[in-house]
C-alpha atoms as a PDB file:
ATOM      1  CA  MET A   1       0.000   0.000   0.000  1.00  0.00           C
ATOM      2  CA  LYS A   2       1.025   3.593  -0.515  1.00  0.00           C
ATOM      3  CA  TYR A   3       0.363   6.415   1.927  1.00  0.00           C
ATOM      4  CA  ARG A   4       0.472  10.177   1.673  1.00  0.00           C
ATOM      5  CA  LYS A   5       1.384  12.379   4.599  1.00  0.00           C
ATOM      6  CA  ARG A   6      -1.611  14.358   5.823  1.00  0.00           C
ATOM      7  CA  PRO A   7      -1.238  18.092   5.459  1.00  0.00           C
ATOM      8  CA  VAL A   8      -0.595  19.622   8.854  1.00  0.00           C
ATOM      9  CA  VAL A   9       0.484  23.083   9.900  1.00  0.00           C
ATOM     10  CA  ILE A  10       3.528  23.196  12.167  1.00  0.00           C
ATOM     11  CA  GLU A  11       5.442  26.013  13.807  1.00  0.00           C
ATOM     12  CA  ALA A  12       9.193  26.312  13.361  1.00  0.00           C
ATOM     13  CA  PHE A  13      12.122  28.690  13.487  1.00  0.00           C
ATOM     14  CA  GLN A  14      15.587  28.529  11.979  1.00  0.00           C
ATOM     15  CA  TYR A  15      18.297  28.376  14.647  1.00  0.00           C
ATOM     16  CA  ASP A  16      21.055  30.919  14.043  1.00  0.00           C
ATOM     17  CA  GLY A  17      23.130  30.182  17.136  1.00  0.00           C
ATOM     18  CA  ASP A  18      21.084  32.246  19.571  1.00  0.00           C
ATOM     19  CA  MET A  19      17.492  33.016  20.491  1.00  0.00           C
ATOM     20  CA  ILE A  20      17.989  36.399  22.168  1.00  0.00           C
ATOM     21  CA  ASN A  21      18.759  39.644  20.331  1.00  0.00           C
ATOM     22  CA  SER A  22      21.375  42.187  21.424  1.00  0.00           C
ATOM     23  CA  SER A  23      18.832  44.017  23.605  1.00  0.00           C
ATOM     24  CA  GLY A  24      18.100  40.796  25.530  1.00  0.00           C
ATOM     25  CA  LYS A  25      14.692  40.081  23.965  1.00  0.00           C
ATOM     26  CA  PRO A  26      13.798  36.654  22.505  1.00  0.00           C
ATOM     27  CA  TYR A  27      13.065  36.582  18.771  1.00  0.00           C
ATOM     28  CA  VAL A  28      11.829  32.993  18.601  1.00  0.00           C
ATOM     29  CA  PRO A  29       8.340  31.634  19.369  1.00  0.00           C
ATOM     30  CA  GLU A  30       7.206  31.570  22.998  1.00  0.00           C
ATOM     31  CA  TRP A  31       7.124  27.747  22.914  1.00  0.00           C
ATOM     32  CA  ALA A  32      10.869  27.751  22.230  1.00  0.00           C
ATOM     33  CA  ILE A  33      11.564  29.943  25.260  1.00  0.00           C
ATOM     34  CA  SER A  34       9.306  27.684  27.356  1.00  0.00           C
ATOM     35  CA  ALA A  35      11.233  24.640  26.077  1.00  0.00           C
ATOM     36  CA  VAL A  36      14.507  26.196  27.248  1.00  0.00           C
ATOM     37  CA  ASN A  37      12.985  27.125  30.605  1.00  0.00           C
ATOM     38  CA  ASN A  38      11.740  23.555  31.195  1.00  0.00           C
ATOM     39  CA  ASN A  39      14.964  21.973  29.824  1.00  0.00           C
ATOM     40  CA  THR A  40      13.344  20.311  26.795  1.00  0.00           C
ATOM     41  CA  MET A  41      15.879  22.379  24.826  1.00  0.00           C
ATOM     42  CA  TYR A  42      19.179  23.027  26.531  1.00  0.00           C
ATOM     43  CA  TYR A  43      22.653  24.400  25.946  1.00  0.00           C
ATOM     44  CA  ASP A  44      25.555  22.148  26.903  1.00  0.00           C
ATOM     45  CA  GLY A  45      27.850  25.047  27.749  1.00  0.00           C
ATOM     46  CA  SER A  46      30.468  24.494  25.043  1.00  0.00           C
ATOM     47  CA  GLU A  47      30.866  27.062  22.291  1.00  0.00           C
ATOM     48  CA  LEU A  48      31.732  26.876  18.621  1.00  0.00           C
ATOM     49  CA  PHE A  49      33.336  29.643  16.593  1.00  0.00           C
ATOM     50  CA  ILE A  50      31.651  30.196  13.220  1.00  0.00           C
ATOM     51  CA  HIS A  51      32.381  32.606  10.388  1.00  0.00           C
ATOM     52  CA  THR A  52      29.446  34.036   8.417  1.00  0.00           C
ATOM     53  CA  LEU A  53      28.938  36.850   5.938  1.00  0.00           C
ATOM     54  CA  GLU A  54      27.694  38.965   8.845  1.00  0.00           C
ATOM     55  CA  GLY A  55      30.891  38.371  10.810  1.00  0.00           C
ATOM     56  CA  ASP A  56      32.435  35.962  13.294  1.00  0.00           C
ATOM     57  CA  HIS A  57      30.301  34.521  16.095  1.00  0.00           C
ATOM     58  CA  HIS A  58      30.603  32.289  19.125  1.00  0.00           C
ATOM     59  CA  VAL A  59      27.690  29.847  19.148  1.00  0.00           C
ATOM     60  CA  THR A  60      26.553  27.796  22.120  1.00  0.00           C
ATOM     61  CA  GLU A  61      25.661  24.159  21.386  1.00  0.00           C
ATOM     62  CA  LEU A  62      21.885  23.530  21.504  1.00  0.00           C
ATOM     63  CA  PHE A  63      20.219  20.161  22.115  1.00  0.00           C
ATOM     64  CA  ILE A  64      16.602  18.938  22.249  1.00  0.00           C
ATOM     65  CA  HIS A  65      15.312  16.118  24.468  1.00  0.00           C
ATOM     66  CA  THR A  66      13.120  13.902  22.244  1.00  0.00           C
ATOM     67  CA  LEU A  67      11.481  10.495  22.643  1.00  0.00           C
ATOM     68  CA  GLU A  68      14.348   9.083  20.546  1.00  0.00           C
ATOM     69  CA  GLY A  69      17.024  10.661  22.742  1.00  0.00           C
ATOM     70  CA  ASP A  70      18.818  13.988  22.715  1.00  0.00           C
ATOM     71  CA  HIS A  71      19.384  15.600  19.317  1.00  0.00           C
ATOM     72  CA  HIS A  72      21.953  18.269  18.467  1.00  0.00           C
ATOM     73  CA  VAL A  73      20.660  21.407  16.736  1.00  0.00           C
ATOM     74  CA  THR A  74      23.198  22.732  14.249  1.00  0.00           C
ATOM     75  CA  VAL A  75      23.226  26.390  13.262  1.00  0.00           C
ATOM     76  CA  GLY A  76      20.911  26.622  10.251  1.00  0.00           C
ATOM     77  CA  ASP A  77      18.682  23.746  11.347  1.00  0.00           C
ATOM     78  CA  TYR A  78      14.986  24.362  11.831  1.00  0.00           C
ATOM     79  CA  VAL A  79      13.436  23.595  15.212  1.00  0.00           C
ATOM     80  CA  ILE A  80       9.936  22.246  14.658  1.00  0.00           C
ATOM     81  CA  GLN A  81       7.052  21.994  17.078  1.00  0.00           C
ATOM     82  CA  GLY A  82       4.971  19.018  15.941  1.00  0.00           C
ATOM     83  CA  ILE A  83       1.220  18.507  16.159  1.00  0.00           C
ATOM     84  CA  ASN A  84       1.480  17.025  19.680  1.00  0.00           C
ATOM     85  CA  GLY A  85       3.811  19.770  20.943  1.00  0.00           C
ATOM     86  CA  GLU A  86       6.930  17.647  20.456  1.00  0.00           C
ATOM     87  CA  LEU A  87      10.124  19.397  19.351  1.00  0.00           C
ATOM     88  CA  TYR A  88      12.713  18.142  16.927  1.00  0.00           C
ATOM     89  CA  PRO A  89      15.457  19.532  14.667  1.00  0.00           C
ATOM     90  CA  CYS A  90      15.279  19.341  10.880  1.00  0.00           C
ATOM     91  CA  LYS A  91      18.048  19.992   8.354  1.00  0.00           C
ATOM     92  CA  PRO A  92      17.315  22.960   6.039  1.00  0.00           C
ATOM     93  CA  ASP A  93      17.276  20.912   2.828  1.00  0.00           C
ATOM     94  CA  ILE A  94      14.732  18.437   4.230  1.00  0.00           C
ATOM     95  CA  PHE A  95      12.661  21.254   5.745  1.00  0.00           C
ATOM     96  CA  GLU A  96      12.464  23.095   2.420  1.00  0.00           C
ATOM     97  CA  LYS A  97      11.417  19.903   0.577  1.00  0.00           C
ATOM     98  CA  THR A  98       8.772  19.047   3.189  1.00  0.00           C
ATOM     99  CA  TYR A  99       7.258  22.368   4.290  1.00  0.00           C
ATOM    100  CA  GLU A 100       6.037  25.589   2.694  1.00  0.00           C
ATOM    101  CA  ALA A 101       5.043  28.880   4.311  1.00  0.00           C
ATOM    102  CA  VAL A 102       1.330  29.365   5.021  1.00  0.00           C
END
């Protein structure tokens, strides 16, 4: 048998190495801040140095607790909140093939 994925609307944001702007305000969805506050998403304390067109940055390593174990969120990955409130990372190429803006 063949199956087609049901169309669902999800929420997501693209992780750029931080979730707080220079004035200290979050610029990600409230559910992401809640996930950090309740340790569903957490930083491990180590930092990476990355070079981008906008300049050089120190990025803290982000992880998500999932039912399948802890998953690393790489800069550029999307963090998705699924239909049951679950969180998981998704690589940009897969995200762009699977989802479209609504």
